[in-house]
Amino acid sequence: MMKAASFMAIVTSLLACLFITQAHSQNAGVHADAIRSVEKWLSLIDGYKYRETWEGLSDVFKKTITKEQWLADLESFRKPLGKPEKRRFLYVTESSDIDVGPYLIIQYQTSFENKGSKGEAVSVTRDNTGKWKVLGYTVF
């Protein structure tokens, strides 16, 4: 099983490449349901309800990390940022992967109380019931 830090580095690298190579969709309306789902999930993180975020993770993500590792990662990299003071939607990137299928990367510009302005990205895919589930989360 991958170490959590290695997994986060891979996700960050993948997201960075996709931001450069994929076309961006400025039309939030097309992906409104995914954006609402992500913002609801982010509100759990914002409220330090880390255990509750586990249910919003995709099966693909859950196969790469244990729940305990996920919670520890959030404590170590996200909690020190503090609460977001302002989160502004930037765009949605559509992509696809042979192992995952089609997915979206939703990017925000977020100002955190302890670290100022950062980029924030959440990648999501639909599960077999049609619900949006998180494939990855990074702050950069």
Protein backbone atom coordinates (compact mmCIF):
# COMPACT_ATOMS: atom_id res chain seq x y z
CA MET A 1 0.00 0.00 0.00
CA MET A 2 1.27 3.47 -0.85
CA LYS A 3 2.36 5.79 1.91
CA ALA A 4 -0.10 8.67 2.30
CA ALA A 5 2.50 11.35 1.54
CA SER A 6 3.54 9.58 -1.66
CA PHE A 7 -0.08 9.27 -2.73
CA MET A 8 -0.70 12.97 -2.11
CA ALA A 9 2.43 13.85 -4.15
CA ILE A 10 1.19 11.71 -7.04
CA VAL A 11 -2.27 13.29 -6.91
CA THR A 12 -0.74 16.77 -6.83
CA SER A 13 1.50 16.01 -9.82
CA LEU A 14 -1.40 14.52 -11.75
CA LEU A 15 -3.58 17.53 -11.04
CA ALA A 16 -0.82 19.95 -12.07
CA CYS A 17 -0.37 18.15 -15.40
CA LEU A 18 -4.09 18.11 -16.05
CA PHE A 19 -4.42 21.83 -15.32
CA ILE A 20 -1.88 22.46 -18.06
CA THR A 21 -3.09 19.98 -20.66
CA GLN A 22 -6.88 19.88 -20.38
CA ALA A 23 -9.42 22.41 -21.57
CA HIS A 24 -11.11 24.31 -18.78
CA SER A 25 -14.83 24.77 -18.49
CA GLN A 26 -15.86 28.19 -17.21
CA ASN A 27 -19.51 27.14 -17.30
CA ALA A 28 -20.23 26.07 -13.74
CA GLY A 29 -23.85 25.40 -14.67
CA VAL A 30 -22.95 22.32 -16.70
CA HIS A 31 -21.35 20.76 -13.64
CA ALA A 32 -23.51 22.36 -10.93
CA ASP A 33 -24.37 19.07 -9.22
CA ALA A 34 -20.70 18.07 -8.96
CA ILE A 35 -19.75 21.51 -7.64
CA ARG A 36 -22.53 21.37 -5.01
CA SER A 37 -21.34 17.92 -3.95
CA VAL A 38 -17.72 19.09 -3.66
CA GLU A 39 -18.69 22.20 -1.71
CA LYS A 40 -20.74 20.12 0.71
CA TRP A 41 -17.74 17.78 1.17
CA LEU A 42 -15.37 20.73 1.62
CA SER A 43 -17.67 22.15 4.30
CA LEU A 44 -17.01 19.00 6.34
CA ILE A 45 -13.28 19.62 6.07
CA ASP A 46 -13.79 23.31 6.88
CA GLY A 47 -15.67 22.27 10.02
CA TYR A 48 -12.92 19.78 11.01
CA LYS A 49 -15.40 16.91 10.56
CA TYR A 50 -12.68 14.77 9.03
CA ARG A 51 -14.23 11.39 9.87
CA GLU A 52 -17.35 12.32 7.93
CA THR A 53 -15.31 13.09 4.80
CA TRP A 54 -14.37 9.41 4.47
CA GLU A 55 -17.85 8.50 3.22
CA GLY A 56 -17.45 10.99 0.36
CA LEU A 57 -14.31 9.32 -0.97
CA SER A 58 -14.45 7.09 -4.03
CA ASP A 59 -13.64 3.40 -3.80
CA VAL A 60 -10.57 4.07 -5.98
CA PHE A 61 -9.27 6.55 -3.40
CA LYS A 62 -10.10 4.28 -0.48
CA LYS A 63 -8.01 1.49 -2.04
CA THR A 64 -4.90 3.69 -1.88
CA ILE A 65 -5.12 4.88 1.72
CA THR A 66 -6.53 3.71 5.03
CA LYS A 67 -9.06 5.75 6.93
CA GLU A 68 -6.49 6.36 9.67
CA GLN A 69 -3.94 7.63 7.11
CA TRP A 70 -6.55 9.90 5.54
CA LEU A 71 -7.46 11.40 8.91
CA ALA A 72 -3.79 11.87 9.80
CA ASP A 73 -3.13 13.56 6.46
CA LEU A 74 -5.96 16.02 7.00
CA GLU A 75 -4.65 16.78 10.49
CA SER A 76 -1.12 17.36 9.23
CA PHE A 77 -1.64 19.28 5.98
CA ARG A 78 -5.11 20.82 6.13
CA LYS A 79 -5.79 21.69 9.76
CA PRO A 80 -2.78 24.08 10.07
CA LEU A 81 -4.24 26.24 7.29
CA GLY A 82 -7.19 27.14 9.50
CA LYS A 83 -10.70 27.90 8.36
CA PRO A 84 -11.23 29.31 4.90
CA GLU A 85 -12.07 33.00 4.94
CA LYS A 86 -13.09 33.05 1.29
CA ARG A 87 -13.35 30.34 -1.36
CA ARG A 88 -13.85 31.36 -4.98
CA PHE A 89 -14.73 28.86 -7.70
CA LEU A 90 -12.29 29.11 -10.64
CA TYR A 91 -13.14 26.36 -13.11
CA VAL A 92 -13.86 22.72 -13.85
CA THR A 93 -11.53 20.53 -15.88
CA GLU A 94 -12.97 17.45 -17.56
CA SER A 95 -10.73 14.43 -17.94
CA SER A 96 -10.73 10.67 -18.23
CA ASP A 97 -8.51 7.82 -17.14
CA ILE A 98 -8.53 4.18 -18.17
CA ASP A 99 -8.72 3.01 -14.53
CA VAL A 100 -11.19 5.64 -13.30
CA GLY A 101 -13.23 6.64 -16.33
CA PRO A 102 -14.46 10.20 -16.76
CA TYR A 103 -13.88 12.60 -13.88
CA LEU A 104 -13.81 16.29 -13.06
CA ILE A 105 -11.27 18.48 -11.32
CA ILE A 106 -12.87 21.43 -9.58
CA GLN A 107 -10.50 24.23 -8.69
CA TYR A 108 -10.87 27.10 -6.23
CA GLN A 109 -8.84 30.03 -5.00
CA THR A 110 -9.15 29.93 -1.22
CA SER A 111 -7.96 32.32 1.47
CA PHE A 112 -7.20 30.52 4.74
CA GLU A 113 -6.99 32.25 8.11
CA ASN A 114 -3.46 30.99 8.84
CA LYS A 115 -1.84 30.76 5.40
CA GLY A 116 -3.39 33.33 3.08
CA SER A 117 -4.39 32.53 -0.48
CA LYS A 118 -3.91 29.01 -1.85
CA GLY A 119 -5.17 26.94 -4.73
CA GLU A 120 -7.49 24.12 -3.81
CA ALA A 121 -8.52 21.27 -6.12
CA VAL A 122 -10.90 18.37 -5.71
CA SER A 123 -11.20 15.63 -8.32
CA VAL A 124 -14.48 13.71 -8.43
CA THR A 125 -16.10 10.85 -10.31
CA ARG A 126 -19.53 9.29 -10.25
CA ASP A 127 -19.91 6.02 -8.40
CA ASN A 128 -22.16 3.20 -9.60
CA THR A 129 -25.19 4.90 -8.02
CA GLY A 130 -24.53 8.20 -9.81
CA LYS A 131 -23.27 10.06 -6.74
CA TRP A 132 -20.17 12.23 -6.98
CA LYS A 133 -17.25 10.81 -4.98
CA VAL A 134 -13.84 12.32 -4.31
CA LEU A 135 -10.83 10.91 -6.15
CA GLY A 136 -8.33 13.38 -4.75
CA TYR A 137 -7.93 16.58 -2.77
CA THR A 138 -5.00 18.95 -2.68
CA VAL A 139 -4.08 22.42 -1.51
CA PHE A 140 -1.25 24.11 -3.36
